[in-house]
mmCIF file of all heavy atoms, coordinates in Angstrom:
data_MODEL
# 
_entry.id   MODEL 
# 
loop_
_atom_site.group_PDB 
_atom_site.id 
_atom_site.type_symbol 
_atom_site.label_atom_id 
_atom_site.label_alt_id 
_atom_site.label_comp_id 
_atom_site.label_asym_id 
_atom_site.label_entity_id 
_atom_site.label_seq_id 
_atom_site.pdbx_PDB_ins_code 
_atom_site.Cartn_x 
_atom_site.Cartn_y 
_atom_site.Cartn_z 
_atom_site.occupancy 
_atom_site.B_iso_or_equiv 
_atom_site.pdbx_formal_charge 
_atom_site.auth_seq_id 
_atom_site.auth_comp_id 
_atom_site.auth_asym_id 
_atom_site.auth_atom_id 
_atom_site.pdbx_PDB_model_num 
ATOM 1   N N   . SER A 1 1  ? 105.415 68.122 34.546 1.00 0.00 ? 1  SER A N   1 
ATOM 2   C CA  . SER A 1 1  ? 106.289 69.290 34.565 1.00 0.00 ? 1  SER A CA  1 
ATOM 3   C C   . SER A 1 1  ? 105.565 70.510 35.145 1.00 0.00 ? 1  SER A C   1 
ATOM 4   O O   . SER A 1 1  ? 106.123 71.247 35.967 1.00 0.00 ? 1  SER A O   1 
ATOM 5   C CB  . SER A 1 1  ? 106.785 69.606 33.153 1.00 0.00 ? 1  SER A CB  1 
ATOM 6   O OG  . SER A 1 1  ? 107.558 68.544 32.629 1.00 0.00 ? 1  SER A OG  1 
ATOM 7   N N   . ALA A 1 2  ? 104.314 70.705 34.720 1.00 0.00 ? 2  ALA A N   1 
ATOM 8   C CA  . ALA A 1 2  ? 103.540 71.849 35.215 1.00 0.00 ? 2  ALA A CA  1 
ATOM 9   C C   . ALA A 1 2  ? 103.330 71.768 36.725 1.00 0.00 ? 2  ALA A C   1 
ATOM 10  O O   . ALA A 1 2  ? 103.363 72.800 37.426 1.00 0.00 ? 2  ALA A O   1 
ATOM 11  C CB  . ALA A 1 2  ? 102.201 71.923 34.503 1.00 0.00 ? 2  ALA A CB  1 
ATOM 12  N N   . ALA A 1 3  ? 103.112 70.564 37.247 1.00 0.00 ? 3  ALA A N   1 
ATOM 13  C CA  . ALA A 1 3  ? 102.900 70.390 38.680 1.00 0.00 ? 3  ALA A CA  1 
ATOM 14  C C   . ALA A 1 3  ? 104.139 70.744 39.490 1.00 0.00 ? 3  ALA A C   1 
ATOM 15  O O   . ALA A 1 3  ? 104.049 71.132 40.665 1.00 0.00 ? 3  ALA A O   1 
ATOM 16  C CB  . ALA A 1 3  ? 102.473 68.960 38.974 1.00 0.00 ? 3  ALA A CB  1 
ATOM 17  N N   . LEU A 1 4  ? 105.328 70.636 38.867 1.00 0.00 ? 4  LEU A N   1 
ATOM 18  C CA  . LEU A 1 4  ? 106.577 70.905 39.575 1.00 0.00 ? 4  LEU A CA  1 
ATOM 19  C C   . LEU A 1 4  ? 107.041 72.358 39.454 1.00 0.00 ? 4  LEU A C   1 
ATOM 20  O O   . LEU A 1 4  ? 107.981 72.765 40.114 1.00 0.00 ? 4  LEU A O   1 
ATOM 21  C CB  . LEU A 1 4  ? 107.678 69.981 39.031 1.00 0.00 ? 4  LEU A CB  1 
ATOM 22  C CG  . LEU A 1 4  ? 107.480 68.492 39.297 1.00 0.00 ? 4  LEU A CG  1 
ATOM 23  C CD1 . LEU A 1 4  ? 108.465 67.681 38.487 1.00 0.00 ? 4  LEU A CD1 1 
ATOM 24  C CD2 . LEU A 1 4  ? 107.623 68.182 40.781 1.00 0.00 ? 4  LEU A CD2 1 
ATOM 25  N N   . VAL A 1 5  ? 106.360 73.131 38.607 1.00 0.00 ? 5  VAL A N   1 
ATOM 26  C CA  . VAL A 1 5  ? 106.757 74.526 38.398 1.00 0.00 ? 5  VAL A CA  1 
ATOM 27  C C   . VAL A 1 5  ? 106.746 75.370 39.680 1.00 0.00 ? 5  VAL A C   1 
ATOM 28  O O   . VAL A 1 5  ? 107.665 76.164 39.898 1.00 0.00 ? 5  VAL A O   1 
ATOM 29  C CB  . VAL A 1 5  ? 105.883 75.181 37.314 1.00 0.00 ? 5  VAL A CB  1 
ATOM 30  C CG1 . VAL A 1 5  ? 106.035 76.694 37.306 1.00 0.00 ? 5  VAL A CG1 1 
ATOM 31  C CG2 . VAL A 1 5  ? 106.249 74.620 35.953 1.00 0.00 ? 5  VAL A CG2 1 
ATOM 32  N N   . PRO A 1 6  ? 105.731 75.251 40.574 1.00 0.00 ? 6  PRO A N   1 
ATOM 33  C CA  . PRO A 1 6  ? 105.781 76.058 41.806 1.00 0.00 ? 6  PRO A CA  1 
ATOM 34  C C   . PRO A 1 6  ? 107.046 75.844 42.636 1.00 0.00 ? 6  PRO A C   1 
ATOM 35  O O   . PRO A 1 6  ? 107.581 76.783 43.229 1.00 0.00 ? 6  PRO A O   1 
ATOM 36  C CB  . PRO A 1 6  ? 104.533 75.601 42.571 1.00 0.00 ? 6  PRO A CB  1 
ATOM 37  C CG  . PRO A 1 6  ? 103.601 75.121 41.507 1.00 0.00 ? 6  PRO A CG  1 
ATOM 38  C CD  . PRO A 1 6  ? 104.467 74.489 40.472 1.00 0.00 ? 6  PRO A CD  1 
ATOM 39  N N   . ILE A 1 7  ? 107.533 74.600 42.662 1.00 0.00 ? 7  ILE A N   1 
ATOM 40  C CA  . ILE A 1 7  ? 108.767 74.318 43.394 1.00 0.00 ? 7  ILE A CA  1 
ATOM 41  C C   . ILE A 1 7  ? 109.938 75.012 42.718 1.00 0.00 ? 7  ILE A C   1 
ATOM 42  O O   . ILE A 1 7  ? 110.798 75.604 43.373 1.00 0.00 ? 7  ILE A O   1 
ATOM 43  C CB  . ILE A 1 7  ? 109.023 72.796 43.457 1.00 0.00 ? 7  ILE A CB  1 
ATOM 44  C CG1 . ILE A 1 7  ? 107.885 72.113 44.227 1.00 0.00 ? 7  ILE A CG1 1 
ATOM 45  C CG2 . ILE A 1 7  ? 110.365 72.487 44.113 1.00 0.00 ? 7  ILE A CG2 1 
ATOM 46  C CD1 . ILE A 1 7  ? 107.984 70.605 44.245 1.00 0.00 ? 7  ILE A CD1 1 
ATOM 47  N N   . ALA A 1 8  ? 109.973 74.957 41.375 1.00 0.00 ? 8  ALA A N   1 
ATOM 48  C CA  . ALA A 1 8  ? 111.031 75.631 40.635 1.00 0.00 ? 8  ALA A CA  1 
ATOM 49  C C   . ALA A 1 8  ? 110.969 77.156 40.850 1.00 0.00 ? 8  ALA A C   1 
ATOM 50  O O   . ALA A 1 8  ? 112.001 77.812 40.995 1.00 0.00 ? 8  ALA A O   1 
ATOM 51  C CB  . ALA A 1 8  ? 110.929 75.301 39.144 1.00 0.00 ? 8  ALA A CB  1 
ATOM 52  N N   . ALA A 1 9  ? 109.758 77.709 40.869 1.00 0.00 ? 9  ALA A N   1 
ATOM 53  C CA  . ALA A 1 9  ? 109.594 79.154 41.078 1.00 0.00 ? 9  ALA A CA  1 
ATOM 54  C C   . ALA A 1 9  ? 110.097 79.566 42.450 1.00 0.00 ? 9  ALA A C   1 
ATOM 55  O O   . ALA A 1 9  ? 110.760 80.604 42.615 1.00 0.00 ? 9  ALA A O   1 
ATOM 56  C CB  . ALA A 1 9  ? 108.128 79.544 40.914 1.00 0.00 ? 9  ALA A CB  1 
ATOM 57  N N   . LEU A 1 10 ? 109.820 78.736 43.451 1.00 0.00 ? 10 LEU A N   1 
ATOM 58  C CA  . LEU A 1 10 ? 110.334 78.996 44.800 1.00 0.00 ? 10 LEU A CA  1 
ATOM 59  C C   . LEU A 1 10 ? 111.852 78.993 44.801 1.00 0.00 ? 10 LEU A C   1 
ATOM 60  O O   . LEU A 1 10 ? 112.503 79.842 45.431 1.00 0.00 ? 10 LEU A O   1 
ATOM 61  C CB  . LEU A 1 10 ? 109.793 77.938 45.767 1.00 0.00 ? 10 LEU A CB  1 
ATOM 62  C CG  . LEU A 1 10 ? 110.245 78.042 47.224 1.00 0.00 ? 10 LEU A CG  1 
ATOM 63  C CD1 . LEU A 1 10 ? 109.751 79.337 47.844 1.00 0.00 ? 10 LEU A CD1 1 
ATOM 64  C CD2 . LEU A 1 10 ? 109.758 76.830 48.024 1.00 0.00 ? 10 LEU A CD2 1 
ATOM 65  N N   . GLY A 1 11 ? 112.445 78.036 44.060 1.00 0.00 ? 11 GLY A N   1 
ATOM 66  C CA  . GLY A 1 11 ? 113.894 77.970 43.977 1.00 0.00 ? 11 GLY A CA  1 
ATOM 67  C C   . GLY A 1 11 ? 114.476 79.184 43.283 1.00 0.00 ? 11 GLY A C   1 
ATOM 68  O O   . GLY A 1 11 ? 115.547 79.673 43.647 1.00 0.00 ? 11 GLY A O   1 
ATOM 69  N N   . THR A 1 12 ? 113.768 79.722 42.283 1.00 0.00 ? 12 THR A N   1 
ATOM 70  C CA  . THR A 1 12 ? 114.245 80.911 41.562 1.00 0.00 ? 12 THR A CA  1 
ATOM 71  C C   . THR A 1 12 ? 114.339 82.104 42.495 1.00 0.00 ? 12 THR A C   1 
ATOM 72  O O   . THR A 1 12 ? 115.335 82.823 42.504 1.00 0.00 ? 12 THR A O   1 
ATOM 73  C CB  . THR A 1 12 ? 113.306 81.217 40.389 1.00 0.00 ? 12 THR A CB  1 
ATOM 74  O OG1 . THR A 1 12 ? 113.192 80.073 39.541 1.00 0.00 ? 12 THR A OG1 1 
ATOM 75  C CG2 . THR A 1 12 ? 113.826 82.391 39.580 1.00 0.00 ? 12 THR A CG2 1 
ATOM 76  N N   . VAL A 1 13 ? 113.294 82.312 43.282 1.00 0.00 ? 13 VAL A N   1 
ATOM 77  C CA  . VAL A 1 13 ? 113.299 83.430 44.231 1.00 0.00 ? 13 VAL A CA  1 
ATOM 78  C C   . VAL A 1 13 ? 114.382 83.237 45.284 1.00 0.00 ? 13 VAL A C   1 
ATOM 79  O O   . VAL A 1 13 ? 115.117 84.172 45.644 1.00 0.00 ? 13 VAL A O   1 
ATOM 80  C CB  . VAL A 1 13 ? 111.925 83.577 44.889 1.00 0.00 ? 13 VAL A CB  1 
ATOM 81  C CG1 . VAL A 1 13 ? 111.950 84.667 45.975 1.00 0.00 ? 13 VAL A CG1 1 
ATOM 82  C CG2 . VAL A 1 13 ? 110.861 83.890 43.844 1.00 0.00 ? 13 VAL A CG2 1 
ATOM 83  N N   . ALA A 1 14 ? 114.537 82.013 45.766 1.00 0.00 ? 14 ALA A N   1 
ATOM 84  C CA  . ALA A 1 14 ? 115.560 81.715 46.775 1.00 0.00 ? 14 ALA A CA  1 
ATOM 85  C C   . ALA A 1 14 ? 116.958 81.912 46.219 1.00 0.00 ? 14 ALA A C   1 
ATOM 86  O O   . ALA A 1 14 ? 117.851 82.418 46.916 1.00 0.00 ? 14 ALA A O   1 
ATOM 87  C CB  . ALA A 1 14 ? 115.394 80.286 47.289 1.00 0.00 ? 14 ALA A CB  1 
ATOM 88  N N   . GLY A 1 15 ? 117.156 81.535 44.946 1.00 0.00 ? 15 GLY A N   1 
ATOM 89  C CA  . GLY A 1 15 ? 118.470 81.702 44.332 1.00 0.00 ? 15 GLY A CA  1 
ATOM 90  C C   . GLY A 1 15 ? 118.882 83.144 44.249 1.00 0.00 ? 15 GLY A C   1 
ATOM 91  O O   . GLY A 1 15 ? 120.019 83.510 44.571 1.00 0.00 ? 15 GLY A O   1 
ATOM 92  N N   . LYS A 1 16 ? 117.961 84.021 43.826 1.00 0.00 ? 16 LYS A N   1 
ATOM 93  C CA  . LYS A 1 16 ? 118.313 85.438 43.738 1.00 0.00 ? 16 LYS A CA  1 
ATOM 94  C C   . LYS A 1 16 ? 118.552 86.024 45.122 1.00 0.00 ? 16 LYS A C   1 
ATOM 95  O O   . LYS A 1 16 ? 119.470 86.823 45.319 1.00 0.00 ? 16 LYS A O   1 
ATOM 96  C CB  . LYS A 1 16 ? 117.202 86.216 43.025 1.00 0.00 ? 16 LYS A CB  1 
ATOM 97  C CG  . LYS A 1 16 ? 117.579 87.699 42.889 1.00 0.00 ? 16 LYS A CG  1 
ATOM 98  C CD  . LYS A 1 16 ? 116.579 88.515 42.125 1.00 0.00 ? 16 LYS A CD  1 
ATOM 99  C CE  . LYS A 1 16 ? 117.091 89.953 42.002 1.00 0.00 ? 16 LYS A CE  1 
ATOM 100 N NZ  . LYS A 1 16 ? 116.114 90.837 41.311 1.00 0.00 ? 16 LYS A NZ  1 
ATOM 101 N N   . SER A 1 17 ? 117.749 85.627 46.095 1.00 0.00 ? 17 SER A N   1 
ATOM 102 C CA  . SER A 1 17 ? 117.922 86.138 47.463 1.00 0.00 ? 17 SER A CA  1 
ATOM 103 C C   . SER A 1 17 ? 119.282 85.749 48.008 1.00 0.00 ? 17 SER A C   1 
ATOM 104 O O   . SER A 1 17 ? 119.962 86.556 48.665 1.00 0.00 ? 17 SER A O   1 
ATOM 105 C CB  . SER A 1 17 ? 116.805 85.579 48.350 1.00 0.00 ? 17 SER A CB  1 
ATOM 106 O OG  . SER A 1 17 ? 116.993 85.990 49.689 1.00 0.00 ? 17 SER A OG  1 
ATOM 107 N N   . PHE A 1 18 ? 119.712 84.518 47.727 1.00 0.00 ? 18 PHE A N   1 
ATOM 108 C CA  . PHE A 1 18 ? 121.012 84.059 48.202 1.00 0.00 ? 18 PHE A CA  1 
ATOM 109 C C   . PHE A 1 18 ? 122.135 84.880 47.587 1.00 0.00 ? 18 PHE A C   1 
ATOM 110 O O   . PHE A 1 18 ? 123.075 85.289 48.276 1.00 0.00 ? 18 PHE A O   1 
ATOM 111 C CB  . PHE A 1 18 ? 121.184 82.571 47.875 1.00 0.00 ? 18 PHE A CB  1 
ATOM 112 C CG  . PHE A 1 18 ? 122.485 81.993 48.327 1.00 0.00 ? 18 PHE A CG  1 
ATOM 113 C CD1 . PHE A 1 18 ? 122.685 81.621 49.640 1.00 0.00 ? 18 PHE A CD1 1 
ATOM 114 C CD2 . PHE A 1 18 ? 123.539 81.833 47.423 1.00 0.00 ? 18 PHE A CD2 1 
ATOM 115 C CE1 . PHE A 1 18 ? 123.897 81.090 50.071 1.00 0.00 ? 18 PHE A CE1 1 
ATOM 116 C CE2 . PHE A 1 18 ? 124.754 81.317 47.842 1.00 0.00 ? 18 PHE A CE2 1 
ATOM 117 C CZ  . PHE A 1 18 ? 124.929 80.926 49.171 1.00 0.00 ? 18 PHE A CZ  1 
ATOM 118 N N   . ILE A 1 19 ? 122.045 85.128 46.288 1.00 0.00 ? 19 ILE A N   1 
ATOM 119 C CA  . ILE A 1 19 ? 123.090 85.881 45.598 1.00 0.00 ? 19 ILE A CA  1 
ATOM 120 C C   . ILE A 1 19 ? 123.167 87.319 46.110 1.00 0.00 ? 19 ILE A C   1 
ATOM 121 O O   . ILE A 1 19 ? 124.241 87.884 46.295 1.00 0.00 ? 19 ILE A O   1 
ATOM 122 C CB  . ILE A 1 19 ? 122.841 85.872 44.073 1.00 0.00 ? 19 ILE A CB  1 
ATOM 123 C CG1 . ILE A 1 19 ? 123.076 84.472 43.542 1.00 0.00 ? 19 ILE A CG1 1 
ATOM 124 C CG2 . ILE A 1 19 ? 123.734 86.872 43.368 1.00 0.00 ? 19 ILE A CG2 1 
ATOM 125 C CD1 . ILE A 1 19 ? 122.717 84.314 42.094 1.00 0.00 ? 19 ILE A CD1 1 
ATOM 126 N N   . GLN A 1 20 ? 122.023 87.934 46.371 1.00 0.00 ? 20 GLN A N   1 
ATOM 127 C CA  . GLN A 1 20 ? 122.002 89.311 46.852 1.00 0.00 ? 20 GLN A CA  1 
ATOM 128 C C   . GLN A 1 20 ? 122.751 89.475 48.165 1.00 0.00 ? 20 GLN A C   1 
ATOM 129 O O   . GLN A 1 20 ? 123.311 90.532 48.443 1.00 0.00 ? 20 GLN A O   1 
ATOM 130 C CB  . GLN A 1 20 ? 120.552 89.780 47.026 1.00 0.00 ? 20 GLN A CB  1 
ATOM 131 C CG  . GLN A 1 20 ? 119.843 90.084 45.707 1.00 0.00 ? 20 GLN A CG  1 
ATOM 132 C CD  . GLN A 1 20 ? 118.403 90.482 45.917 1.00 0.00 ? 20 GLN A CD  1 
ATOM 133 O OE1 . GLN A 1 20 ? 117.697 89.892 46.749 1.00 0.00 ? 20 GLN A OE1 1 
ATOM 134 N NE2 . GLN A 1 20 ? 117.915 91.435 45.139 1.00 0.00 ? 20 GLN A NE2 1 
ATOM 135 N N   . ASN A 1 21 ? 122.755 88.424 48.982 1.00 0.00 ? 21 ASN A N   1 
ATOM 136 C CA  . ASN A 1 21 ? 123.395 88.479 50.286 1.00 0.00 ? 21 ASN A CA  1 
ATOM 137 C C   . ASN A 1 21 ? 124.817 87.910 50.304 1.00 0.00 ? 21 ASN A C   1 
ATOM 138 O O   . ASN A 1 21 ? 125.417 87.751 51.351 1.00 0.00 ? 21 ASN A O   1 
ATOM 139 C CB  . ASN A 1 21 ? 122.547 87.754 51.317 1.00 0.00 ? 21 ASN A CB  1 
ATOM 140 C CG  . ASN A 1 21 ? 121.220 88.438 51.574 1.00 0.00 ? 21 ASN A CG  1 
ATOM 141 O OD1 . ASN A 1 21 ? 121.154 89.509 52.178 1.00 0.00 ? 21 ASN A OD1 1 
ATOM 142 N ND2 . ASN A 1 21 ? 120.141 87.852 51.064 1.00 0.00 ? 21 ASN A ND2 1 
ATOM 143 N N   . LEU A 1 22 ? 125.329 87.605 49.103 1.00 0.00 ? 22 LEU A N   1 
ATOM 144 C CA  . LEU A 1 22 ? 126.672 87.047 48.983 1.00 0.00 ? 22 LEU A CA  1 
ATOM 145 C C   . LEU A 1 22 ? 127.618 88.119 48.440 1.00 0.00 ? 22 LEU A C   1 
ATOM 146 O O   . LEU A 1 22 ? 127.233 88.853 47.529 1.00 0.00 ? 22 LEU A O   1 
ATOM 147 C CB  . LEU A 1 22 ? 126.644 85.835 48.034 1.00 0.00 ? 22 LEU A CB  1 
ATOM 148 C CG  . LEU A 1 22 ? 127.829 84.887 48.034 1.00 0.00 ? 22 LEU A CG  1 
ATOM 149 C CD1 . LEU A 1 22 ? 127.968 84.181 49.379 1.00 0.00 ? 22 LEU A CD1 1 
ATOM 150 C CD2 . LEU A 1 22 ? 127.667 83.858 46.917 1.00 0.00 ? 22 LEU A CD2 1 
ATOM 151 N N   . SER A 1 23 ? 128.814 88.201 48.975 1.00 0.00 ? 23 SER A N   1 
ATOM 152 C CA  . SER A 1 23 ? 129.764 89.212 48.506 1.00 0.00 ? 23 SER A CA  1 
ATOM 153 C C   . SER A 1 23 ? 130.206 88.914 47.088 1.00 0.00 ? 23 SER A C   1 
ATOM 154 O O   . SER A 1 23 ? 130.155 87.768 46.626 1.00 0.00 ? 23 SER A O   1 
ATOM 155 C CB  . SER A 1 23 ? 130.990 89.252 49.431 1.00 0.00 ? 23 SER A CB  1 
ATOM 156 O OG  . SER A 1 23 ? 131.773 88.068 49.275 1.00 0.00 ? 23 SER A OG  1 
ATOM 157 N N   . GLU A 1 24 ? 130.649 89.965 46.381 1.00 0.00 ? 24 GLU A N   1 
ATOM 158 C CA  . GLU A 1 24 ? 131.130 89.813 45.009 1.00 0.00 ? 24 GLU A CA  1 
ATOM 159 C C   . GLU A 1 24 ? 132.269 88.795 44.965 1.00 0.00 ? 24 GLU A C   1 
ATOM 160 O O   . GLU A 1 24 ? 132.317 87.923 44.073 1.00 0.00 ? 24 GLU A O   1 
ATOM 161 C CB  . GLU A 1 24 ? 131.620 91.157 44.475 1.00 0.00 ? 24 GLU A CB  1 
ATOM 162 C CG  . GLU A 1 24 ? 130.563 92.229 44.361 1.00 0.00 ? 24 GLU A CG  1 
ATOM 163 C CD  . GLU A 1 24 ? 129.903 92.278 42.987 1.00 0.00 ? 24 GLU A CD  1 
ATOM 164 O OE1 . GLU A 1 24 ? 130.474 91.683 42.055 1.00 0.00 ? 24 GLU A OE1 1 
ATOM 165 O OE2 . GLU A 1 24 ? 128.831 92.877 42.860 1.00 0.00 ? 24 GLU A OE2 1 
ATOM 166 N N   . LYS A 1 25 ? 133.192 88.882 45.894 1.00 0.00 ? 25 LYS A N   1 
ATOM 167 C CA  . LYS A 1 25 ? 134.369 88.005 45.901 1.00 0.00 ? 25 LYS A CA  1 
ATOM 168 C C   . LYS A 1 25 ? 133.957 86.539 45.987 1.00 0.00 ? 25 LYS A C   1 
ATOM 169 O O   . LYS A 1 25 ? 134.406 85.705 45.197 1.00 0.00 ? 25 LYS A O   1 
ATOM 170 C CB  . LYS A 1 25 ? 135.270 88.362 47.090 1.00 0.00 ? 25 LYS A CB  1 
ATOM 171 C CG  . LYS A 1 25 ? 136.447 87.407 47.256 1.00 0.00 ? 25 LYS A CG  1 
ATOM 172 C CD  . LYS A 1 25 ? 137.253 87.752 48.494 1.00 0.00 ? 25 LYS A CD  1 
ATOM 173 C CE  . LYS A 1 25 ? 138.365 86.721 48.714 1.00 0.00 ? 25 LYS A CE  1 
ATOM 174 N NZ  . LYS A 1 25 ? 139.149 87.029 49.953 1.00 0.00 ? 25 LYS A NZ  1 
ATOM 175 N N   . TRP A 1 26 ? 133.074 86.223 46.931 1.00 0.00 ? 26 TRP A N   1 
ATOM 176 C CA  . TRP A 1 26 ? 132.681 84.833 47.136 1.00 0.00 ? 26 TRP A CA  1 
ATOM 177 C C   . TRP A 1 26 ? 131.781 84.328 46.018 1.00 0.00 ? 26 TRP A C   1 
ATOM 178 O O   . TRP A 1 26 ? 131.797 83.136 45.665 1.00 0.00 ? 26 TRP A O   1 
ATOM 179 C CB  . TRP A 1 26 ? 132.011 84.655 48.493 1.00 0.00 ? 26 TRP A CB  1 
ATOM 180 C CG  . TRP A 1 26 ? 133.006 84.730 49.616 1.00 0.00 ? 26 TRP A CG  1 
ATOM 181 C CD1 . TRP A 1 26 ? 133.134 85.735 50.518 1.00 0.00 ? 26 TRP A CD1 1 
ATOM 182 C CD2 . TRP A 1 26 ? 134.009 83.755 49.923 1.00 0.00 ? 26 TRP A CD2 1 
ATOM 183 N NE1 . TRP A 1 26 ? 134.177 85.479 51.391 1.00 0.00 ? 26 TRP A NE1 1 
ATOM 184 C CE2 . TRP A 1 26 ? 134.720 84.258 51.042 1.00 0.00 ? 26 TRP A CE2 1 
ATOM 185 C CE3 . TRP A 1 26 ? 134.384 82.540 49.381 1.00 0.00 ? 26 TRP A CE3 1 
ATOM 186 C CZ2 . TRP A 1 26 ? 135.779 83.568 51.606 1.00 0.00 ? 26 TRP A CZ2 1 
ATOM 187 C CZ3 . TRP A 1 26 ? 135.448 81.846 49.947 1.00 0.00 ? 26 TRP A CZ3 1 
ATOM 188 C CH2 . TRP A 1 26 ? 136.134 82.348 51.051 1.00 0.00 ? 26 TRP A CH2 1 
# 
């Protein structure tokens, strides 16, 4: 699980970035 955390952390940052660039409606 610990070895996979960096991948999860990358996904967390990517998830927020995606939401920031998405309109409220969508």
